[in-house]
Protein backbone atom coordinates (compact mmCIF):
# COMPACT_ATOMS: atom_id res chain seq x y z
CA MET A 1 28.92 11.71 23.53
CA GLU A 2 26.45 10.61 26.16
CA ARG A 3 23.73 12.67 24.53
CA LEU A 4 24.46 11.05 21.16
CA LYS A 5 24.16 7.57 22.68
CA LYS A 6 20.88 8.53 24.30
CA TRP A 7 19.55 9.87 20.99
CA ARG A 8 20.54 6.68 19.15
CA ALA A 9 18.82 4.63 21.85
CA GLY A 10 15.54 6.52 21.40
CA TRP A 11 12.84 6.37 18.75
CA ALA A 12 14.09 9.37 16.79
CA TYR A 13 17.26 7.71 15.41
CA PRO A 14 15.62 4.88 13.40
CA THR A 15 12.79 7.21 12.39
CA VAL A 16 15.24 9.75 10.93
CA LEU A 17 17.10 7.02 9.03
CA LEU A 18 13.84 5.62 7.66
CA CYS A 19 12.77 9.11 6.59
CA VAL A 20 16.09 9.70 4.83
CA TYR A 21 15.80 6.35 3.07
CA GLY A 22 12.14 6.97 2.23
CA PHE A 23 12.98 10.30 0.64
CA PHE A 24 16.00 9.32 -1.45
CA SER A 25 14.42 6.07 -2.62
CA THR A 26 11.30 7.83 -3.92
CA VAL A 27 12.90 10.77 -5.74
CA LYS A 28 12.60 9.40 -9.29
CA PRO A 29 12.58 12.30 -11.78
CA LEU A 30 12.33 10.01 -14.82
CA GLU A 31 9.37 7.94 -13.62
CA PRO A 32 6.65 10.27 -15.04
CA PHE A 33 8.44 10.17 -18.41
CA LEU A 34 9.23 6.46 -18.56
CA ILE A 35 7.10 5.73 -21.64
CA PRO A 36 8.61 8.60 -23.72
CA TYR A 37 12.03 7.31 -22.61
CA PHE A 38 11.22 3.77 -23.77
CA THR A 39 9.73 4.86 -27.10
CA GLY A 40 12.28 7.62 -27.79
CA PRO A 41 15.74 7.40 -29.36
CA ASP A 42 17.31 6.17 -26.10
CA LYS A 43 15.60 2.74 -26.26
CA ASN A 44 13.77 2.90 -29.60
CA LEU A 45 10.97 0.54 -28.51
CA THR A 46 7.44 0.59 -29.88
CA THR A 47 4.40 1.47 -27.78
CA GLU A 48 3.02 -2.03 -28.38
CA GLN A 49 6.22 -3.64 -27.05
CA VAL A 50 6.12 -1.48 -23.92
CA ASN A 51 2.41 -1.95 -23.35
CA ASN A 52 1.98 -5.65 -24.12
CA GLU A 53 5.41 -7.19 -23.45
CA ILE A 54 7.38 -5.10 -20.94
CA LEU A 55 4.97 -3.57 -18.40
CA PRO A 56 3.08 -6.83 -17.64
CA VAL A 57 6.29 -8.35 -16.22
CA TRP A 58 6.05 -6.03 -13.19
CA THR A 59 2.68 -7.53 -12.22
CA TYR A 60 3.87 -11.12 -12.60
CA SER A 61 7.09 -10.63 -10.60
CA TYR A 62 5.24 -8.73 -7.89
CA LEU A 63 2.80 -11.63 -7.46
CA CYS A 64 5.53 -14.30 -7.48
CA VAL A 65 7.62 -12.77 -4.70
CA LEU A 66 4.94 -11.14 -2.52
CA VAL A 67 4.08 -14.08 -0.26
CA PRO A 68 7.67 -15.33 0.24
CA VAL A 69 8.78 -11.76 0.93
CA PHE A 70 5.96 -11.26 3.45
CA LEU A 71 7.14 -14.27 5.49
CA LEU A 72 10.88 -13.69 5.00
CA THR A 73 10.53 -10.06 6.05
CA ASP A 74 9.29 -11.08 9.48
CA TRP A 75 11.64 -14.06 9.82
CA LEU A 76 14.74 -12.02 8.87
CA ARG A 77 13.54 -9.11 11.04
CA TYR A 78 13.02 -6.42 8.43
CA LYS A 79 16.43 -4.77 8.03
CA PRO A 80 17.95 -7.32 5.59
CA VAL A 81 14.86 -7.02 3.39
CA VAL A 82 15.00 -3.20 3.48
CA VAL A 83 18.64 -3.40 2.36
CA PHE A 84 17.61 -5.94 -0.33
CA GLN A 85 14.92 -3.52 -1.51
CA SER A 86 17.43 -0.69 -1.93
CA VAL A 87 19.83 -3.00 -3.82
CA ASN A 88 17.07 -4.00 -6.26
CA LEU A 89 16.12 -0.35 -6.72
CA LEU A 90 19.71 0.45 -7.65
CA ILE A 91 19.87 -2.52 -10.05
CA THR A 92 16.62 -1.40 -11.71
CA THR A 93 17.98 2.09 -12.36
CA ILE A 94 21.32 0.78 -13.69
CA LEU A 95 19.57 -1.59 -16.10
CA LEU A 96 17.32 1.24 -17.31
CA LEU A 97 20.38 3.33 -18.09
CA TRP A 98 22.69 0.87 -19.83
CA LEU A 99 20.57 -1.81 -21.51
CA ARG A 100 18.28 -1.46 -24.52
CA SER A 101 16.53 -4.66 -25.63
CA VAL A 102 12.99 -5.80 -24.82
CA ALA A 103 14.38 -8.63 -22.66
CA ALA A 104 16.53 -6.17 -20.72
CA MET A 105 13.58 -3.86 -20.08
CA GLN A 106 11.56 -6.87 -18.94
CA ALA A 107 14.36 -7.57 -16.47
CA THR A 108 14.05 -4.03 -15.13
CA GLN A 109 10.35 -4.64 -14.55
CA PHE A 110 11.13 -7.88 -12.73
CA PHE A 111 13.54 -6.16 -10.34
CA TYR A 112 11.09 -3.31 -9.84
CA GLY A 113 8.41 -5.86 -8.96
CA VAL A 114 10.76 -7.10 -6.22
CA VAL A 115 11.20 -3.49 -5.04
CA THR A 116 7.43 -3.09 -4.80
CA ALA A 117 6.93 -6.38 -2.97
CA THR A 118 9.62 -5.59 -0.40
CA GLU A 119 7.91 -2.31 0.50
CA VAL A 120 6.29 -4.31 3.31
CA ALA A 121 9.67 -4.39 5.08
CA TYR A 122 9.93 -0.59 5.09
CA VAL A 123 6.37 -0.24 6.37
CA SER A 124 6.80 -2.88 9.10
CA TYR A 125 10.31 -2.03 10.30
CA ILE A 126 9.19 0.97 12.31
CA TYR A 127 6.97 -1.17 14.53
CA SER A 128 9.82 -3.47 15.53
CA VAL A 129 12.19 -0.88 16.99
CA ILE A 130 9.96 1.88 18.30
CA ASP A 131 7.82 2.18 21.40
CA PRO A 132 4.09 1.82 20.56
CA ALA A 133 3.50 5.28 22.05
CA HIS A 134 5.42 6.74 19.06
CA TYR A 135 3.88 4.57 16.31
CA ARG A 136 1.54 7.28 15.06
CA LYS A 137 4.20 10.00 14.87
CA ALA A 138 6.80 7.75 13.27
CA THR A 139 4.35 6.41 10.69
CA SER A 140 3.18 9.93 9.88
CA TYR A 141 6.73 11.18 9.37
CA CYS A 142 7.73 8.23 7.15
CA ARG A 143 4.59 8.45 5.00
CA SER A 144 4.89 12.22 4.66
CA VAL A 145 8.54 12.00 3.62
CA GLN A 146 7.71 9.35 1.03
CA LEU A 147 5.02 11.58 -0.43
CA LEU A 148 7.47 14.48 -0.40
CA GLY A 149 10.02 12.35 -2.26
CA TYR A 150 7.54 11.36 -4.97
CA THR A 151 6.43 14.98 -5.33
CA VAL A 152 9.96 16.40 -5.44
CA GLY A 153 10.95 13.76 -8.00
CA ALA A 154 7.96 14.54 -10.22
CA VAL A 155 8.46 18.31 -10.05
CA LEU A 156 12.21 17.99 -10.61
CA GLY A 157 11.65 15.72 -13.60
CA GLN A 158 9.11 18.16 -15.06
CA LEU A 159 11.52 21.10 -14.73
CA LEU A 160 14.45 19.17 -16.22
CA VAL A 161 12.39 17.96 -19.18
CA SER A 162 10.44 21.17 -19.83
CA PHE A 163 13.54 23.37 -19.87
CA ASP A 164 15.67 20.68 -21.54
CA LEU A 165 18.26 20.95 -18.79
CA LEU A 166 19.30 17.29 -18.73
CA SER A 167 18.84 14.35 -21.05
CA TYR A 168 16.96 11.24 -19.91
CA SER A 169 20.26 9.39 -19.48
CA VAL A 170 21.76 12.05 -17.23
CA ILE A 171 18.55 12.12 -15.18
CA LEU A 172 19.01 8.37 -14.63
CA VAL A 173 22.60 8.95 -13.48
CA PHE A 174 21.24 11.44 -10.95
CA THR A 175 18.71 8.81 -9.84
CA ILE A 176 21.50 6.27 -9.36
CA VAL A 177 23.22 8.70 -7.00
CA MET A 178 20.00 9.11 -5.01
CA SER A 179 19.49 5.33 -4.86
CA SER A 180 23.08 4.86 -3.68
CA ILE A 181 22.50 7.29 -0.81
CA ALA A 182 19.35 5.33 0.08
CA LEU A 183 21.35 2.08 0.09
CA LEU A 184 24.01 3.51 2.40
CA THR A 185 21.28 4.73 4.75
CA THR A 186 19.75 1.27 5.08
CA CYS A 187 23.10 -0.11 6.25
CA LEU A 188 22.99 2.25 9.24
CA LEU A 189 19.58 1.04 10.43
CA PRO A 190 19.68 -0.79 13.79
CA MET A 191 18.93 -4.51 13.59
CA PRO A 192 15.64 -5.35 15.33
CA ARG A 193 15.64 -8.12 17.92
CA ARG A 194 11.97 -8.92 17.54
CA SER A 195 9.28 -9.11 14.89
CA MET A 196 5.53 -9.46 14.82
CA PHE A 197 5.30 -13.21 14.19
CA PHE A 198 8.53 -15.21 14.30
CA HIS A 199 10.52 -13.33 16.96
CA ARG A 200 8.07 -12.24 19.64
CA HIS A 201 9.94 -11.45 22.86
CA ARG A 202 7.72 -11.24 25.87
CA GLY A 203 10.11 -10.98 28.76
CA PRO A 204 9.01 -8.76 31.66
CA ALA A 205 10.07 -5.16 31.75
CA PRO A 206 12.42 -3.98 34.47
CA GLU A 207 10.55 -3.30 37.65
CA GLY A 208 9.00 0.13 37.67
CA SER A 209 9.79 0.97 34.08
CA GLY A 210 7.26 -0.91 31.96
CA LYS A 211 9.81 -1.01 29.15
CA SER A 212 12.44 -3.33 27.77
CA THR A 213 15.43 -2.63 25.57
CA GLY A 214 14.96 -3.41 21.87
CA ALA A 215 17.18 -3.50 18.84
CA GLY A 216 20.16 -1.18 18.76
CA GLY A 217 19.27 0.03 22.24
CA ALA A 218 15.93 1.37 21.03
CA VAL A 219 13.35 1.57 23.77
CA VAL A 220 10.53 -0.89 23.16
CA SER A 221 7.51 -1.28 25.40
CA ALA A 222 6.55 -4.72 26.60
CA GLU A 223 3.76 -5.61 24.22
CA THR A 224 1.64 -8.18 25.98
CA ASP A 225 -0.85 -5.75 27.47
CA THR A 226 -0.87 -3.52 24.40
CA ARG A 227 -1.70 -6.36 22.04
CA GLU A 228 -4.32 -7.87 24.29
CA GLU A 229 -6.03 -4.50 24.66
CA ALA A 230 -5.89 -4.06 20.87
CA GLY A 231 -7.84 -7.25 20.33
CA TRP A 232 -5.09 -9.88 20.02
CA GLU A 233 -7.18 -12.67 21.47
CA GLY A 234 -4.88 -15.47 22.53
CA GLY A 235 -2.16 -13.24 21.12
CA THR A 236 0.92 -15.36 21.76
CA VAL A 237 1.70 -17.50 18.75
CA GLY A 238 0.84 -21.03 19.82
CA LEU A 239 2.02 -20.51 23.41
CA THR A 240 0.23 -21.69 26.52
CA ALA A 241 0.08 -19.77 29.77
CA GLN A 242 2.88 -21.97 31.14
CA GLU A 243 5.06 -21.21 28.13
CA LYS A 244 4.37 -17.51 28.59
CA GLY A 245 5.59 -17.89 32.14
CA ASP A 246 8.73 -19.59 30.88
CA GLU A 247 9.38 -16.62 28.64
CA GLY A 248 8.74 -14.38 31.61
CA GLU A 249 11.72 -16.08 33.25
CA GLY A 250 13.97 -14.84 30.47
CA SER A 251 13.30 -17.13 27.51
CA ALA A 252 13.31 -15.32 24.14
CA ARG A 253 12.55 -18.21 21.81
CA ALA A 254 11.07 -17.54 18.37
CA ALA A 255 7.88 -19.37 17.52
CA GLY A 256 8.27 -22.22 15.07
CA CYS A 257 7.33 -21.71 11.46
CA GLY A 258 4.50 -24.24 11.69
CA GLN A 259 3.04 -22.55 14.76
CA VAL A 260 3.21 -19.16 13.07
CA LEU A 261 1.43 -20.38 9.94
CA LEU A 262 -1.28 -22.08 12.00
CA GLN A 263 -1.79 -18.93 14.03
CA LEU A 264 -1.91 -16.81 10.87
CA TRP A 265 -4.57 -19.13 9.43
CA ALA A 266 -6.62 -18.96 12.64
CA ASP A 267 -6.35 -15.16 12.66
CA PHE A 268 -7.32 -15.04 8.98
CA LEU A 269 -10.51 -16.98 9.67
CA GLN A 270 -11.28 -14.88 12.74
CA CYS A 271 -10.76 -11.54 10.97
CA TYR A 272 -12.76 -12.33 7.86
CA SER A 273 -15.65 -13.79 9.86
CA SER A 274 -16.75 -10.17 10.26
CA ARG A 275 -18.99 -9.30 7.32
CA GLN A 276 -18.26 -5.60 7.60
CA LEU A 277 -14.51 -6.19 7.41
CA LEU A 278 -15.07 -8.65 4.57
CA TYR A 279 -17.05 -6.16 2.46
CA TRP A 280 -14.54 -3.36 3.00
CA SER A 281 -11.73 -5.79 2.15
CA VAL A 282 -13.47 -6.88 -1.05
CA TRP A 283 -13.73 -3.25 -2.14
CA TRP A 284 -10.07 -2.72 -1.14
CA ALA A 285 -8.87 -5.60 -3.32
CA MET A 286 -11.05 -4.74 -6.31
CA ALA A 287 -10.35 -1.00 -6.25
CA THR A 288 -6.61 -1.39 -5.66
CA CYS A 289 -6.42 -3.78 -8.60
CA GLY A 290 -8.09 -1.21 -10.88
CA TYR A 291 -6.01 1.64 -9.47
CA ASN A 292 -2.72 -0.20 -10.04
CA GLN A 293 -3.68 -1.07 -13.60
CA THR A 294 -4.64 2.54 -14.32
CA VAL A 295 -1.49 4.07 -12.83
CA ASN A 296 0.74 1.48 -14.47
CA TYR A 297 -0.57 2.14 -17.99
CA VAL A 298 -1.73 5.77 -17.86
CA GLN A 299 1.45 7.08 -19.49
CA VAL A 300 0.74 4.86 -22.49
CA LEU A 301 -2.70 6.49 -22.70
CA TRP A 302 -1.18 9.96 -22.48
CA GLN A 303 1.28 9.03 -25.22
CA HIS A 304 -1.66 7.87 -27.38
CA VAL A 305 -3.79 10.99 -26.77
CA GLU A 306 -0.90 13.37 -27.44
CA PRO A 307 2.45 11.94 -28.62
CA SER A 308 5.34 13.35 -26.64
CA GLU A 309 7.16 14.63 -29.72
CA ASN A 310 4.23 16.94 -30.53
CA ILE A 311 4.07 18.98 -27.31
CA THR A 312 5.87 19.75 -24.10
CA MET A 313 4.76 17.04 -21.69
CA TYR A 314 3.50 17.84 -18.22
CA ASN A 315 3.43 14.29 -16.87
CA GLY A 316 5.64 15.21 -13.93
CA GLY A 317 3.54 18.21 -12.94
CA VAL A 318 0.37 16.14 -13.15
CA GLU A 319 1.84 13.38 -10.98
CA ALA A 320 3.01 15.93 -8.40
CA PHE A 321 -0.35 17.69 -8.31
CA SER A 322 -2.27 14.40 -8.12
CA ASN A 323 -0.11 13.29 -5.17
CA LEU A 324 -0.82 16.52 -3.30
CA PHE A 325 -4.52 16.42 -4.20
CA GLY A 326 -4.74 12.81 -3.01
CA ALA A 327 -2.93 13.66 0.21
CA ALA A 328 -5.29 16.58 0.85
CA ALA A 329 -8.32 14.35 0.22
CA ALA A 330 -6.98 11.69 2.58
CA TYR A 331 -6.18 14.29 5.23
CA GLY A 332 -9.65 15.83 4.95
CA VAL A 333 -11.32 12.51 5.76
CA GLY A 334 -10.24 12.89 9.37
CA PHE A 335 -12.44 15.97 9.74
CA LEU A 336 -15.60 14.41 8.33
CA GLN A 337 -18.16 13.50 10.98
CA VAL A 338 -19.74 10.58 9.13
CA ASN A 339 -20.98 7.25 10.42
CA TRP A 340 -19.02 5.15 7.94
CA SER A 341 -20.49 1.91 9.30
CA HIS A 342 -23.87 3.20 8.12
CA TRP A 343 -23.00 5.20 4.99
CA GLY A 344 -19.66 3.63 4.09
CA GLU A 345 -20.76 1.05 1.52
CA LEU A 346 -23.03 3.53 -0.24
CA SER A 347 -20.13 6.01 -0.31
CA LEU A 348 -17.86 3.36 -1.83
CA GLY A 349 -20.43 2.81 -4.57
CA ALA A 350 -21.01 6.50 -5.27
CA PHE A 351 -17.36 7.52 -5.36
CA SER A 352 -16.42 4.43 -7.39
CA GLY A 353 -19.01 5.64 -9.90
CA LEU A 354 -17.22 8.99 -10.07
CA GLU A 355 -13.92 7.14 -10.61
CA ALA A 356 -15.52 5.22 -13.49
CA THR A 357 -16.76 8.50 -14.98
CA ALA A 358 -13.28 10.03 -14.75
CA LEU A 359 -11.78 6.99 -16.46
CA PHE A 360 -14.36 7.03 -19.27
CA LEU A 361 -13.58 10.73 -19.75
CA MET A 362 -9.86 9.98 -19.95
CA THR A 363 -10.44 7.15 -22.42
CA PHE A 364 -12.59 8.91 -24.97
CA THR A 365 -11.32 12.49 -24.86
CA GLY A 366 -9.06 13.92 -27.53
CA SER A 367 -7.59 16.55 -25.20
CA ILE A 368 -4.52 15.76 -23.12
CA TRP A 369 -5.60 18.39 -20.57
CA VAL A 370 -8.95 16.70 -20.02
CA CYS A 371 -7.07 13.42 -19.70
CA TYR A 372 -4.75 14.96 -17.10
CA ALA A 373 -7.72 16.39 -15.14
CA GLY A 374 -9.51 13.03 -15.17
CA TYR A 375 -6.40 11.33 -13.80
CA VAL A 376 -6.08 13.84 -10.94
CA ILE A 377 -9.75 13.33 -10.01
CA PHE A 378 -9.45 9.54 -10.23
CA LYS A 379 -6.34 9.40 -8.06
CA GLY A 380 -7.74 11.82 -5.48
CA LEU A 381 -10.96 9.80 -5.14
CA TYR A 382 -9.01 6.57 -4.69
CA MET A 383 -6.82 8.11 -1.98
CA LEU A 384 -9.94 9.37 -0.23
CA LEU A 385 -11.68 5.99 -0.28
CA ILE A 386 -8.62 3.90 0.59
CA THR A 387 -8.08 6.10 3.66
CA ILE A 388 -11.66 5.51 4.79
CA ALA A 389 -11.26 1.77 4.19
CA THR A 390 -8.03 1.78 6.17
CA PHE A 391 -9.72 3.43 9.14
CA GLN A 392 -12.65 1.03 9.04
CA ILE A 393 -10.57 -2.12 8.70
CA ALA A 394 -7.87 -1.20 11.21
CA ALA A 395 -10.17 0.18 13.89
CA ASP A 396 -10.45 -3.02 15.95
CA LEU A 397 -7.34 -4.93 14.87
CA SER A 398 -4.09 -5.56 16.71
CA MET A 399 -0.82 -4.80 14.93
CA GLU A 400 -0.38 -8.44 13.89
CA ARG A 401 -3.88 -8.73 12.45
CA TYR A 402 -3.50 -5.31 10.86
CA ALA A 403 -0.46 -6.58 8.94
CA LEU A 404 -2.19 -9.86 8.06
CA VAL A 405 -5.43 -8.30 6.77
CA PHE A 406 -3.70 -5.63 4.75
CA GLY A 407 -1.31 -8.21 3.31
CA VAL A 408 -4.18 -10.50 2.31
CA ASN A 409 -6.12 -7.60 0.78
CA ASN A 410 -3.15 -6.50 -1.30
CA PHE A 411 -2.49 -10.09 -2.34
CA GLY A 412 -6.11 -10.40 -3.48
CA ALA A 413 -5.73 -7.17 -5.46
CA LEU A 414 -2.57 -8.50 -7.07
CA VAL A 415 -4.20 -11.80 -8.04
CA LEU A 416 -7.04 -9.90 -9.74
CA GLN A 417 -4.52 -7.60 -11.40
CA THR A 418 -2.50 -10.55 -12.69
CA ILE A 419 -5.62 -12.15 -14.18
CA ILE A 420 -6.58 -8.90 -15.93
CA THR A 421 -3.02 -8.36 -17.17
CA ALA A 422 -2.71 -11.90 -18.52
CA ILE A 423 -6.03 -11.76 -20.35
CA VAL A 424 -6.30 -8.12 -21.44
CA VAL A 425 -2.78 -6.71 -21.72
CA ASP A 426 -0.25 -9.47 -22.29
CA SER A 427 0.66 -10.15 -25.92
CA ARG A 428 0.13 -13.87 -25.20
CA GLY A 429 -3.47 -13.04 -24.21
CA LEU A 430 -5.72 -10.61 -26.03
CA GLY A 431 -2.94 -8.01 -26.26
CA LEU A 432 -5.41 -5.14 -26.52
CA ALA A 433 -4.41 -1.62 -27.49
CA ILE A 434 -4.55 1.10 -24.86
CA ILE A 435 -8.05 2.48 -25.63
CA PRO A 436 -9.80 -0.92 -25.32
CA GLN A 437 -7.76 -1.50 -22.15
CA PHE A 438 -8.98 1.68 -20.50
CA THR A 439 -12.52 1.00 -21.66
CA ILE A 440 -12.31 -2.25 -19.68
CA TYR A 441 -10.82 -0.46 -16.63
CA SER A 442 -13.61 2.13 -16.75
CA SER A 443 -16.27 -0.58 -16.99
CA TYR A 444 -14.56 -2.45 -14.15
CA PHE A 445 -15.00 0.53 -11.80
CA ALA A 446 -18.59 0.92 -13.02
CA VAL A 447 -19.25 -2.67 -11.92
CA ILE A 448 -17.70 -1.92 -8.51
CA ALA A 449 -19.96 1.14 -8.23
CA VAL A 450 -23.10 -0.86 -9.01
CA ILE A 451 -22.23 -3.66 -6.57
CA PHE A 452 -21.51 -1.40 -3.62
CA THR A 453 -24.33 1.03 -4.33
CA ILE A 454 -26.81 -1.86 -4.22
CA ARG A 455 -25.16 -3.24 -1.10
CA GLY A 456 -25.17 0.21 0.56
CA VAL A 457 -28.84 0.84 -0.20
CA PHE A 458 -29.72 -2.61 1.15
CA THR A 459 -27.74 -2.00 4.36
CA ILE A 460 -29.44 1.34 5.01
CA TRP A 461 -32.89 -0.12 4.24
CA LYS A 462 -32.25 -3.04 6.59
CA GLU A 463 -31.13 -0.77 9.43
CA ARG A 464 -34.13 1.53 9.03
CA ARG A 465 -36.48 -1.41 8.87
CA CYS A 466 -34.99 -2.77 12.07
CA SER A 467 -35.33 0.58 13.86
CA GLU A 468 -38.93 1.08 12.73
CA GLU A 469 -40.17 -2.48 13.33
CA PRO A 470 -42.28 -2.77 16.51
CA ALA A 471 -40.91 -5.06 19.16
CA SER A 472 -44.29 -6.73 19.62
CA SER A 473 -47.79 -6.84 18.16
CA LYS A 474 -48.95 -4.40 20.86
CA GLY A 475 -47.16 -1.56 19.13
CA ASP A 476 -44.49 -1.13 21.80
CA PRO A 477 -41.45 0.88 20.73
CA PRO A 478 -38.66 -1.21 19.22
CA ASP A 479 -36.23 -2.75 21.65
CA PRO A 480 -32.73 -1.36 20.91
CA GLY A 481 -31.26 -4.63 22.10
CA VAL A 482 -33.14 -6.58 19.41
CA CYS A 483 -31.86 -4.25 16.67
CA LEU A 484 -28.38 -4.43 18.11
CA GLU A 485 -28.50 -8.22 18.15
CA GLU A 486 -29.71 -8.30 14.54
CA SER A 487 -27.02 -5.83 13.55
CA LEU A 488 -24.35 -7.98 15.18
CA LYS A 489 -25.66 -11.06 13.39
CA SER A 490 -25.37 -9.25 10.07
CA SER A 491 -21.81 -8.25 10.92
CA ALA A 492 -20.55 -11.76 11.62
CA LEU A 493 -20.76 -14.93 9.58
């Protein structure tokens, strides 16, 4: 009994629960076959209805709830929002199973947009109940289990469809069971006592321990030193040194909403004053927008290239393989000895060009296998580049600024995605068919490639010019300090 209490008080207990939830919430065998399900006898919808009326709702709902969810997640301290996410996931699956009309399928996309927006709670929860020393392990486990869940779901769906073992409706019943297990798991999560912005406890650790007790008895390190070392300049939200001292005497007051918003705005300005971070963030937003659009509508393209009633589909196998290929590409980045500050922007341009090529190939081929191969290449390249961007952006940020910058970048991506969806996809806009859509997505990545290739070439030229320029008219060797100063000036607004 004592050992069980000790285990529940450690970092392993919430990590295991999060992994269980992450797995069961991502096993979705029907997801790779959603378009054939919509257009088949189960729902009897047309491809145009799915493409131009139903799928755009996900983008709109995601944008509408993202900012409120971001703030509420921190204010409510994560767990309620994780539970809310699992409830919406269950509702989405139930609606998919029992309802048939266009309006009902639009409702499923709305609830799934809420599920996507609340993913921030799952990602952030781990940092509120676990000692910073275990952040890396816990994050690795949770991400790996999510990837495993997506892969298992895709492979399972492929096997069930290929061998005609279960109908689409029965597969959805199986998914409801998995979502119910995920919901029960979230109820067992310990409730955090702190969060990154609204509930920032800074009481002193017991003498000689350096640690304080967190939610559910979880051991949580006192964060003041950690955050200051990580670059949280003036890290307490709107608190003076005297107020910090008051908290040191046992006060555990949450910062006011106004103070938090002011501090977030100040941090936003400080973070994006770095030109290097700004350029990487611009690529992040633009590329993520294009990636989301591609992934969201690729099944419609597959259905156009080769209608599902003509052949045995391998959508699930392709999704599983692309996930593993993307994970391998992301993992391999860690072994590359490359100066990304020097070559990064040029790499973004070059690989974005390859993504554009893969998309053009997918768009204009008549072979479903070429289309599948192009998708795997596209997804793998995106996973590779987004991992590099993550490393570069997060390198010098504290946990709070990490969450802020990544939230802003994703919000920017979503705004761009909403604009493209409203103009290009929505039936109230241009309402384009799938081939013109993917022609635009391909051209979009080609534009990204041109912009960052030019920027990368300019950066390299400027650095070489600086290193080769004599420090004086006497031909003395260049002063490294001068080049460093110029480099710093180019890195900050």
